[in-house]
């Protein structure tokens, strides 16, 4: 399954349009919030599906994903230097790896379930992520991980046009260019 997460270019707060075959979502960040507060909503009636709340951190981003059905997932940076993130909740554990350049991958139980890339040239706040996900993956958790990664890394971008070189530092594991999602 292919998912597109597009940040709206010229808005006061961060707003996102998320689309895939058969569904659409909308996300927004609260304006003037001390800690990051995002909401993921259904695209048609804007019913809140997940609230993502940032917790105080100095160097390691931490977030709570609170689903409307009562589930909670905890997302944090495990390795700052190599950019490895962990997301745990509801008996599941995910690892997000930032690779060299603009590539990311998500693993569950040591098996890759998603990969995404970021656009290199950004106009305004217009970050765009092209996400490929396994058919049976927890799509909402994957979307939350993409949104919080963007918020933690790119929320202070106020330039008109930027060129993103991506990660030039070390990586925990190399990006698998040949990986394809299970249909």
N, C-alpha and C. Protein backbone atom coordinates (compact mmCIF):
# COMPACT_ATOMS: atom_id res chain seq x y z
N UNK A 1 0.85 -1.16 0.00
CA UNK A 1 0.00 0.00 0.00
C UNK A 1 0.90 1.23 0.00
N UNK A 2 0.54 2.22 -0.80
CA UNK A 2 1.27 3.47 -0.85
C UNK A 2 0.47 4.57 -0.17
N UNK A 3 1.13 5.31 0.69
CA UNK A 3 0.51 6.40 1.44
C UNK A 3 1.32 7.66 1.18
N UNK A 4 0.64 8.79 1.01
CA UNK A 4 1.31 10.07 0.84
C UNK A 4 0.96 10.96 2.02
N UNK A 5 1.97 11.50 2.68
CA UNK A 5 1.80 12.45 3.78
C UNK A 5 2.37 13.77 3.29
N UNK A 6 1.49 14.76 3.08
CA UNK A 6 1.91 16.06 2.55
C UNK A 6 1.61 17.15 3.56
N UNK A 7 2.65 17.88 3.93
CA UNK A 7 2.47 19.02 4.83
C UNK A 7 2.07 20.23 3.98
N UNK A 8 1.07 20.95 4.45
CA UNK A 8 0.64 22.14 3.70
C UNK A 8 1.75 23.19 3.76
N UNK A 9 1.99 23.84 2.65
CA UNK A 9 3.16 24.69 2.49
C UNK A 9 3.15 25.97 3.33
N UNK A 10 2.11 26.75 3.24
CA UNK A 10 2.12 28.07 3.86
C UNK A 10 0.97 28.21 4.86
N UNK A 11 1.16 27.67 6.04
CA UNK A 11 0.17 27.77 7.12
C UNK A 11 0.88 28.17 8.40
N UNK A 12 0.12 28.76 9.33
CA UNK A 12 0.71 29.14 10.61
C UNK A 12 1.10 27.93 11.43
N UNK A 13 0.20 26.97 11.49
CA UNK A 13 0.51 25.73 12.22
C UNK A 13 0.75 24.63 11.20
N UNK A 14 1.36 23.57 11.62
CA UNK A 14 1.61 22.44 10.72
C UNK A 14 0.30 21.71 10.46
N UNK A 15 -0.03 21.54 9.18
CA UNK A 15 -1.22 20.82 8.77
C UNK A 15 -0.83 19.82 7.69
N UNK A 16 -1.43 18.64 7.73
CA UNK A 16 -1.04 17.55 6.84
C UNK A 16 -2.27 16.92 6.17
N UNK A 17 -2.10 16.56 4.93
CA UNK A 17 -3.09 15.77 4.20
C UNK A 17 -2.47 14.41 3.96
N UNK A 18 -3.19 13.35 4.36
CA UNK A 18 -2.69 11.99 4.26
C UNK A 18 -3.67 11.21 3.39
N UNK A 19 -3.13 10.58 2.34
CA UNK A 19 -4.03 9.87 1.43
C UNK A 19 -3.43 8.53 1.02
N UNK A 20 -4.32 7.60 0.80
CA UNK A 20 -3.98 6.26 0.32
C UNK A 20 -5.23 5.72 -0.37
N UNK A 21 -5.08 4.67 -1.17
CA UNK A 21 -6.26 4.10 -1.80
C UNK A 21 -7.29 3.65 -0.75
N UNK A 22 -8.47 4.23 -0.81
CA UNK A 22 -9.54 3.82 0.08
C UNK A 22 -9.70 4.62 1.36
N UNK A 23 -8.77 5.52 1.68
CA UNK A 23 -8.96 6.35 2.88
C UNK A 23 -8.15 7.63 2.80
N UNK A 24 -8.57 8.59 3.62
CA UNK A 24 -7.81 9.84 3.73
C UNK A 24 -7.90 10.32 5.18
N UNK A 25 -6.84 10.97 5.61
CA UNK A 25 -6.77 11.55 6.96
C UNK A 25 -6.27 12.98 6.85
N UNK A 26 -6.47 13.69 7.93
CA UNK A 26 -5.99 15.06 8.05
C UNK A 26 -5.34 15.16 9.42
N UNK A 27 -4.24 15.87 9.52
CA UNK A 27 -3.58 16.06 10.81
C UNK A 27 -3.22 17.52 10.97
N UNK A 28 -3.22 17.97 12.22
CA UNK A 28 -2.83 19.34 12.50
C UNK A 28 -2.14 19.42 13.84
N UNK A 29 -1.26 20.40 13.95
CA UNK A 29 -0.56 20.64 15.20
C UNK A 29 -1.23 21.83 15.88
N UNK A 30 -1.38 21.74 17.19
CA UNK A 30 -1.96 22.85 17.94
C UNK A 30 -1.07 24.08 17.78
N UNK A 31 -1.67 25.23 17.65
CA UNK A 31 -0.94 26.48 17.52
C UNK A 31 -0.54 26.97 18.91
N UNK A 32 0.65 27.46 19.07
CA UNK A 32 1.17 28.01 20.32
C UNK A 32 1.15 27.00 21.46
N UNK A 33 1.61 25.81 21.18
CA UNK A 33 1.67 24.77 22.20
C UNK A 33 3.11 24.61 22.67
N UNK A 34 3.34 24.58 23.99
CA UNK A 34 4.68 24.40 24.53
C UNK A 34 5.25 23.06 24.09
N UNK A 35 4.49 22.02 24.26
CA UNK A 35 4.88 20.69 23.78
C UNK A 35 4.14 20.41 22.49
N UNK A 36 4.74 19.58 21.64
CA UNK A 36 4.08 19.23 20.39
C UNK A 36 2.76 18.52 20.70
N UNK A 37 1.72 18.95 20.04
CA UNK A 37 0.41 18.31 20.15
C UNK A 37 -0.19 18.23 18.76
N UNK A 38 -0.27 17.01 18.27
CA UNK A 38 -0.86 16.79 16.96
C UNK A 38 -2.11 15.95 17.10
N UNK A 39 -3.01 16.12 16.15
CA UNK A 39 -4.21 15.29 16.10
C UNK A 39 -4.33 14.71 14.70
N UNK A 40 -4.57 13.41 14.64
CA UNK A 40 -4.84 12.73 13.39
C UNK A 40 -6.34 12.50 13.32
N UNK A 41 -6.97 13.00 12.25
CA UNK A 41 -8.42 12.93 12.12
C UNK A 41 -8.82 12.29 10.80
N UNK A 42 -10.03 11.77 10.76
CA UNK A 42 -10.55 11.24 9.51
C UNK A 42 -10.68 12.39 8.51
N UNK A 43 -10.49 12.08 7.24
CA UNK A 43 -10.49 13.12 6.23
C UNK A 43 -11.85 13.70 5.92
N UNK A 44 -12.91 12.92 6.13
CA UNK A 44 -14.23 13.41 5.75
C UNK A 44 -14.93 14.21 6.85
N UNK A 45 -15.00 13.69 8.06
CA UNK A 45 -15.74 14.39 9.13
C UNK A 45 -14.85 14.94 10.24
N UNK A 46 -13.54 14.85 10.09
CA UNK A 46 -12.55 15.37 11.06
C UNK A 46 -12.76 14.83 12.47
N UNK A 47 -13.14 13.56 12.56
CA UNK A 47 -13.25 12.88 13.85
C UNK A 47 -11.85 12.49 14.30
N UNK A 48 -11.47 12.83 15.53
CA UNK A 48 -10.13 12.55 16.04
C UNK A 48 -9.95 11.05 16.21
N UNK A 49 -8.86 10.53 15.61
CA UNK A 49 -8.53 9.11 15.68
C UNK A 49 -7.37 8.89 16.65
N UNK A 50 -6.35 9.77 16.58
CA UNK A 50 -5.18 9.66 17.44
C UNK A 50 -4.74 11.06 17.87
N UNK A 51 -4.39 11.19 19.15
CA UNK A 51 -3.75 12.41 19.66
C UNK A 51 -2.29 12.07 19.94
N UNK A 52 -1.40 12.87 19.39
CA UNK A 52 0.04 12.67 19.58
C UNK A 52 0.55 13.83 20.44
N UNK A 53 1.10 13.48 21.58
CA UNK A 53 1.57 14.52 22.51
C UNK A 53 3.05 14.35 22.79
N UNK A 54 3.78 15.43 22.60
CA UNK A 54 5.19 15.44 22.92
C UNK A 54 5.38 15.60 24.42
N UNK A 55 6.37 14.92 24.94
CA UNK A 55 6.73 15.09 26.35
C UNK A 55 8.04 15.84 26.41
N UNK A 56 8.31 16.44 27.54
CA UNK A 56 9.53 17.23 27.70
C UNK A 56 10.74 16.35 27.44
N UNK A 57 11.67 16.88 26.64
CA UNK A 57 12.90 16.16 26.34
C UNK A 57 14.00 17.17 26.06
N UNK A 58 15.23 16.79 26.37
CA UNK A 58 16.37 17.64 26.03
C UNK A 58 16.95 17.25 24.68
N UNK A 59 17.31 16.00 24.52
CA UNK A 59 17.94 15.55 23.28
C UNK A 59 17.21 14.40 22.61
N UNK A 60 16.34 13.73 23.33
CA UNK A 60 15.65 12.56 22.79
C UNK A 60 14.16 12.81 22.73
N UNK A 61 13.62 12.99 21.51
CA UNK A 61 12.18 13.23 21.39
C UNK A 61 11.37 12.08 21.98
N UNK A 62 10.29 12.43 22.69
CA UNK A 62 9.37 11.44 23.28
C UNK A 62 7.94 11.88 23.00
N UNK A 63 7.13 10.91 22.57
CA UNK A 63 5.73 11.18 22.25
C UNK A 63 4.85 10.06 22.78
N UNK A 64 3.61 10.41 23.06
CA UNK A 64 2.57 9.44 23.39
C UNK A 64 1.53 9.50 22.28
N UNK A 65 1.15 8.35 21.74
CA UNK A 65 0.08 8.26 20.75
C UNK A 65 -1.14 7.71 21.48
N UNK A 66 -2.14 8.53 21.68
CA UNK A 66 -3.36 8.10 22.39
C UNK A 66 -4.48 7.93 21.37
N UNK A 67 -4.84 6.67 21.14
CA UNK A 67 -5.88 6.34 20.18
C UNK A 67 -7.26 6.56 20.80
N UNK A 68 -8.24 6.85 19.96
CA UNK A 68 -9.60 7.12 20.45
C UNK A 68 -10.23 5.87 21.07
N UNK A 69 -9.72 4.67 20.75
CA UNK A 69 -10.27 3.44 21.33
C UNK A 69 -9.59 3.08 22.66
N UNK A 70 -8.71 3.95 23.18
CA UNK A 70 -8.10 3.73 24.49
C UNK A 70 -6.68 3.20 24.46
N UNK A 71 -6.20 2.73 23.32
CA UNK A 71 -4.82 2.23 23.24
C UNK A 71 -3.84 3.39 23.32
N UNK A 72 -2.65 3.13 23.89
CA UNK A 72 -1.58 4.13 23.95
C UNK A 72 -0.28 3.50 23.49
N UNK A 73 0.43 4.20 22.65
CA UNK A 73 1.75 3.80 22.18
C UNK A 73 2.75 4.87 22.64
N UNK A 74 3.96 4.45 22.95
CA UNK A 74 5.01 5.36 23.40
C UNK A 74 6.12 5.35 22.36
N UNK A 75 6.51 6.53 21.92
CA UNK A 75 7.49 6.69 20.85
C UNK A 75 8.65 7.54 21.37
N UNK A 76 9.89 7.05 21.21
CA UNK A 76 11.04 7.80 21.69
C UNK A 76 12.27 7.50 20.86
N UNK A 77 13.25 8.38 20.97
CA UNK A 77 14.53 8.20 20.29
C UNK A 77 15.42 7.33 21.16
N UNK A 78 15.80 6.16 20.65
CA UNK A 78 16.63 5.24 21.41
C UNK A 78 18.12 5.56 21.22
N UNK A 79 18.50 5.88 19.99
CA UNK A 79 19.91 6.20 19.70
C UNK A 79 19.97 7.51 18.93
N UNK A 80 20.42 8.56 19.61
CA UNK A 80 20.44 9.89 19.01
C UNK A 80 21.41 9.95 17.84
N UNK A 81 22.61 9.44 18.02
CA UNK A 81 23.65 9.55 17.01
C UNK A 81 23.31 8.78 15.73
N UNK A 82 22.74 7.59 15.88
CA UNK A 82 22.40 6.77 14.71
C UNK A 82 20.95 6.89 14.29
N UNK A 83 20.18 7.73 14.98
CA UNK A 83 18.79 8.03 14.64
C UNK A 83 17.92 6.77 14.57
N UNK A 84 17.80 6.11 15.72
CA UNK A 84 16.93 4.95 15.86
C UNK A 84 15.82 5.30 16.84
N UNK A 85 14.58 5.05 16.45
CA UNK A 85 13.42 5.35 17.27
C UNK A 85 12.68 4.06 17.60
N UNK A 86 12.03 4.03 18.76
CA UNK A 86 11.26 2.86 19.19
C UNK A 86 9.83 3.32 19.45
N UNK A 87 8.87 2.48 19.09
CA UNK A 87 7.46 2.72 19.39
C UNK A 87 6.89 1.44 19.98
N UNK A 88 6.37 1.53 21.21
CA UNK A 88 5.81 0.36 21.89
C UNK A 88 4.40 0.66 22.39
N UNK A 89 3.56 -0.37 22.34
CA UNK A 89 2.22 -0.26 22.87
C UNK A 89 1.35 -1.39 22.38
N UNK A 90 0.34 -1.71 23.15
CA UNK A 90 -0.64 -2.72 22.79
C UNK A 90 0.02 -4.05 22.37
N UNK A 91 1.12 -4.39 23.05
CA UNK A 91 1.82 -5.65 22.78
C UNK A 91 2.65 -5.64 21.50
N UNK A 92 2.83 -4.50 20.88
CA UNK A 92 3.60 -4.40 19.65
C UNK A 92 4.84 -3.54 19.88
N UNK A 93 5.89 -3.82 19.12
CA UNK A 93 7.10 -2.98 19.18
C UNK A 93 7.58 -2.72 17.76
N UNK A 94 7.85 -1.45 17.48
CA UNK A 94 8.32 -1.01 16.17
C UNK A 94 9.65 -0.29 16.34
N UNK A 95 10.49 -0.37 15.32
CA UNK A 95 11.75 0.39 15.28
C UNK A 95 11.78 1.17 13.97
N UNK A 96 12.06 2.45 14.08
CA UNK A 96 12.20 3.32 12.93
C UNK A 96 13.68 3.68 12.79
N UNK A 97 14.23 3.44 11.61
CA UNK A 97 15.64 3.72 11.33
C UNK A 97 15.74 4.84 10.31
N UNK A 98 16.56 5.84 10.62
CA UNK A 98 16.86 6.86 9.63
C UNK A 98 18.15 6.44 8.94
N UNK A 99 18.11 6.41 7.61
CA UNK A 99 19.26 5.96 6.84
C UNK A 99 19.96 7.15 6.21
N UNK A 100 21.06 6.89 5.54
CA UNK A 100 21.75 7.95 4.82
C UNK A 100 20.82 8.53 3.77
N UNK A 101 20.95 9.83 3.56
CA UNK A 101 20.08 10.50 2.60
C UNK A 101 18.72 10.78 3.21
N UNK A 102 17.68 10.54 2.46
CA UNK A 102 16.31 10.89 2.87
C UNK A 102 15.43 9.66 3.05
N UNK A 103 16.02 8.52 3.39
CA UNK A 103 15.29 7.27 3.51
C UNK A 103 15.11 6.86 4.96
N UNK A 104 13.97 6.23 5.24
CA UNK A 104 13.63 5.70 6.55
C UNK A 104 13.04 4.31 6.37
N UNK A 105 13.15 3.47 7.38
CA UNK A 105 12.47 2.18 7.34
C UNK A 105 11.91 1.87 8.72
N UNK A 106 10.83 1.09 8.75
CA UNK A 106 10.17 0.71 9.99
C UNK A 106 10.12 -0.81 10.05
N UNK A 107 10.55 -1.35 11.19
CA UNK A 107 10.57 -2.78 11.41
C UNK A 107 9.65 -3.14 12.57
N UNK A 108 9.03 -4.30 12.49
CA UNK A 108 8.25 -4.86 13.58
C UNK A 108 8.74 -6.30 13.74
N UNK A 109 9.14 -6.66 14.96
CA UNK A 109 9.66 -8.01 15.23
C UNK A 109 10.80 -8.37 14.26
N UNK A 110 11.70 -7.42 14.05
CA UNK A 110 12.88 -7.61 13.21
C UNK A 110 12.55 -7.90 11.75
N UNK A 111 11.35 -7.53 11.31
CA UNK A 111 10.90 -7.70 9.91
C UNK A 111 10.43 -6.35 9.40
N UNK A 112 10.94 -5.94 8.25
CA UNK A 112 10.56 -4.64 7.71
C UNK A 112 9.10 -4.64 7.27
N UNK A 113 8.35 -3.62 7.72
CA UNK A 113 6.94 -3.51 7.37
C UNK A 113 6.64 -2.23 6.60
N UNK A 114 7.59 -1.26 6.61
CA UNK A 114 7.35 0.00 5.91
C UNK A 114 8.67 0.67 5.57
N UNK A 115 8.61 1.52 4.56
CA UNK A 115 9.75 2.36 4.18
C UNK A 115 9.18 3.67 3.67
N UNK A 116 9.90 4.76 3.93
CA UNK A 116 9.44 6.03 3.38
C UNK A 116 10.61 6.93 3.04
N UNK A 117 10.34 7.84 2.12
CA UNK A 117 11.33 8.82 1.69
C UNK A 117 10.73 10.21 1.81
N UNK A 118 11.61 11.17 1.96
CA UNK A 118 11.22 12.56 2.11
C UNK A 118 11.67 13.33 0.88
N UNK A 119 10.94 14.39 0.52
CA UNK A 119 11.34 15.20 -0.62
C UNK A 119 12.60 16.01 -0.30
N UNK A 120 13.42 16.22 -1.30
CA UNK A 120 14.69 16.93 -1.12
C UNK A 120 14.49 18.44 -1.13
N UNK A 121 13.69 18.96 -2.05
CA UNK A 121 13.45 20.40 -2.12
C UNK A 121 12.11 20.68 -1.47
N UNK A 122 12.13 21.58 -0.47
CA UNK A 122 10.93 21.88 0.31
C UNK A 122 10.58 23.35 0.11
N UNK A 123 9.35 23.61 -0.29
CA UNK A 123 8.85 24.98 -0.44
C UNK A 123 7.96 25.27 0.75
N UNK A 124 8.29 26.34 1.50
CA UNK A 124 7.57 26.65 2.73
C UNK A 124 7.76 25.52 3.72
N UNK A 125 6.67 25.07 4.30
CA UNK A 125 6.72 23.93 5.21
C UNK A 125 6.44 22.63 4.48
N UNK A 126 6.36 22.65 3.17
CA UNK A 126 5.84 21.54 2.37
C UNK A 126 6.62 20.25 2.34
N UNK A 127 6.91 19.67 3.50
CA UNK A 127 7.53 18.35 3.51
C UNK A 127 6.54 17.32 2.98
N UNK A 128 7.05 16.36 2.24
CA UNK A 128 6.21 15.31 1.66
C UNK A 128 6.90 13.98 1.88
N UNK A 129 6.13 13.01 2.33
CA UNK A 129 6.65 11.67 2.58
C UNK A 129 5.87 10.67 1.74
N UNK A 130 6.61 9.85 1.00
CA UNK A 130 6.01 8.77 0.23
C UNK A 130 6.28 7.49 1.00
N UNK A 131 5.21 6.89 1.51
CA UNK A 131 5.31 5.75 2.43
C UNK A 131 4.81 4.49 1.72
N UNK A 132 5.58 3.41 1.84
CA UNK A 132 5.17 2.10 1.34
C UNK A 132 4.99 1.21 2.56
N UNK A 133 3.85 0.54 2.68
CA UNK A 133 3.51 -0.21 3.89
C UNK A 133 2.97 -1.59 3.51
N UNK A 134 3.35 -2.60 4.31
CA UNK A 134 2.76 -3.93 4.16
C UNK A 134 1.25 -3.87 4.35
N UNK A 135 0.56 -4.74 3.67
CA UNK A 135 -0.90 -4.82 3.75
C UNK A 135 -1.40 -5.02 5.18
N UNK A 136 -0.73 -5.87 5.96
CA UNK A 136 -1.19 -6.20 7.31
C UNK A 136 -0.57 -5.33 8.41
N UNK A 137 0.17 -4.31 8.06
CA UNK A 137 0.83 -3.46 9.07
C UNK A 137 -0.19 -2.55 9.75
N UNK A 138 0.16 -2.09 10.92
CA UNK A 138 -0.66 -1.14 11.66
C UNK A 138 -0.44 0.24 11.04
N UNK A 139 -1.27 0.59 10.08
CA UNK A 139 -1.09 1.80 9.27
C UNK A 139 -1.15 3.06 10.12
N UNK A 140 -2.04 3.13 11.09
CA UNK A 140 -2.15 4.33 11.91
C UNK A 140 -0.89 4.59 12.73
N UNK A 141 -0.28 3.54 13.26
CA UNK A 141 0.97 3.72 14.00
C UNK A 141 2.07 4.19 13.06
N UNK A 142 2.13 3.64 11.86
CA UNK A 142 3.13 4.07 10.87
C UNK A 142 2.94 5.55 10.54
N UNK A 143 1.71 5.98 10.31
CA UNK A 143 1.43 7.39 10.01
C UNK A 143 1.84 8.27 11.19
N UNK A 144 1.54 7.86 12.40
CA UNK A 144 1.93 8.63 13.60
C UNK A 144 3.45 8.77 13.69
N UNK A 145 4.16 7.71 13.38
CA UNK A 145 5.62 7.76 13.42
C UNK A 145 6.18 8.73 12.37
N UNK A 146 5.59 8.73 11.18
CA UNK A 146 6.02 9.67 10.14
C UNK A 146 5.75 11.11 10.57
N UNK A 147 4.56 11.36 11.10
CA UNK A 147 4.20 12.72 11.52
C UNK A 147 5.10 13.24 12.64
N UNK A 148 5.36 12.41 13.64
CA UNK A 148 6.19 12.87 14.75
C UNK A 148 7.64 13.02 14.34
N UNK A 149 8.12 12.19 13.41
CA UNK A 149 9.47 12.37 12.90
C UNK A 149 9.58 13.72 12.21
N UNK A 150 8.59 14.08 11.41
CA UNK A 150 8.59 15.37 10.74
C UNK A 150 8.55 16.51 11.75
N UNK A 151 7.69 16.40 12.74
CA UNK A 151 7.55 17.46 13.74
C UNK A 151 8.83 17.64 14.54
N UNK A 152 9.43 16.54 14.96
CA UNK A 152 10.64 16.62 15.78
C UNK A 152 11.82 17.18 15.00
N UNK A 153 11.90 16.90 13.69
CA UNK A 153 13.05 17.31 12.90
C UNK A 153 12.88 18.61 12.16
N UNK A 154 11.67 18.94 11.73
CA UNK A 154 11.49 20.04 10.78
C UNK A 154 10.51 21.11 11.22
N UNK A 155 10.15 21.16 12.48
CA UNK A 155 9.09 22.07 12.89
C UNK A 155 9.49 23.53 12.89
N UNK A 156 10.75 23.84 12.92
CA UNK A 156 11.18 25.24 12.97
C UNK A 156 11.52 25.80 11.60
N UNK A 157 11.23 25.08 10.55
CA UNK A 157 11.54 25.55 9.21
C UNK A 157 10.64 26.72 8.84
N UNK A 158 11.25 27.88 8.60
CA UNK A 158 10.49 29.06 8.22
C UNK A 158 10.97 29.62 6.89
N UNK A 159 11.94 28.97 6.26
CA UNK A 159 12.47 29.44 5.00
C UNK A 159 11.45 29.24 3.88
N UNK A 160 11.63 29.99 2.81
CA UNK A 160 10.74 29.86 1.67
C UNK A 160 11.06 28.60 0.88
N UNK A 161 12.34 28.39 0.59
CA UNK A 161 12.77 27.20 -0.13
C UNK A 161 14.01 26.63 0.57
N UNK A 162 14.00 25.34 0.83
CA UNK A 162 15.16 24.70 1.44
C UNK A 162 15.54 23.47 0.64
N UNK A 163 16.80 23.12 0.74
CA UNK A 163 17.33 21.92 0.10
C UNK A 163 17.80 21.01 1.23
N UNK A 164 17.22 19.82 1.33
CA UNK A 164 17.53 18.90 2.41
C UNK A 164 18.54 17.86 1.94
N UNK A 165 19.70 17.84 2.56
CA UNK A 165 20.72 16.84 2.22
C UNK A 165 20.42 15.49 2.85
N UNK A 166 19.55 15.48 3.86
CA UNK A 166 19.23 14.24 4.54
C UNK A 166 20.28 13.90 5.57
N UNK A 167 20.27 12.67 6.01
CA UNK A 167 21.21 12.20 7.02
C UNK A 167 22.59 11.97 6.38
N UNK A 168 23.60 12.62 6.95
CA UNK A 168 24.97 12.41 6.46
C UNK A 168 25.83 11.72 7.52
N UNK A 169 25.22 11.44 8.67
CA UNK A 169 25.94 10.79 9.76
C UNK A 169 25.84 9.29 9.69
N UNK A 170 26.23 8.62 10.78
CA UNK A 170 26.20 7.15 10.79
C UNK A 170 24.76 6.62 10.80
N UNK A 171 24.62 5.38 10.38
CA UNK A 171 23.32 4.73 10.38
C UNK A 171 23.43 3.37 11.06
N UNK A 172 22.37 2.96 11.73
CA UNK A 172 22.35 1.68 12.44
C UNK A 172 22.37 0.51 11.48
N UNK A 173 21.64 0.63 10.38
CA UNK A 173 21.60 -0.42 9.36
C UNK A 173 21.37 0.25 8.01
N UNK A 174 21.89 -0.34 6.94
CA UNK A 174 21.73 0.27 5.61
C UNK A 174 20.28 0.13 5.11
N UNK A 175 19.90 1.05 4.27
CA UNK A 175 18.57 1.03 3.67
C UNK A 175 18.51 -0.06 2.60
N UNK A 176 17.45 -0.85 2.62
CA UNK A 176 17.27 -1.94 1.66
C UNK A 176 16.47 -1.41 0.46
N UNK A 177 17.17 -1.05 -0.60
CA UNK A 177 16.54 -0.51 -1.81
C UNK A 177 15.62 -1.52 -2.48
N UNK A 178 15.87 -2.80 -2.27
CA UNK A 178 15.08 -3.83 -2.95
C UNK A 178 13.79 -4.21 -2.21
N UNK A 179 13.59 -3.70 -0.99
CA UNK A 179 12.42 -4.09 -0.22
C UNK A 179 11.14 -3.62 -0.89
N UNK A 180 10.16 -4.50 -0.91
CA UNK A 180 8.83 -4.19 -1.44
C UNK A 180 7.79 -4.63 -0.41
N UNK A 181 6.72 -3.85 -0.22
CA UNK A 181 5.69 -4.24 0.74
C UNK A 181 4.90 -5.47 0.28
N UNK A 182 4.44 -6.24 1.26
CA UNK A 182 3.59 -7.41 0.95
C UNK A 182 2.20 -6.91 0.61
N UNK A 183 1.64 -7.48 -0.45
CA UNK A 183 0.27 -7.09 -0.84
C UNK A 183 -0.66 -8.07 -0.29
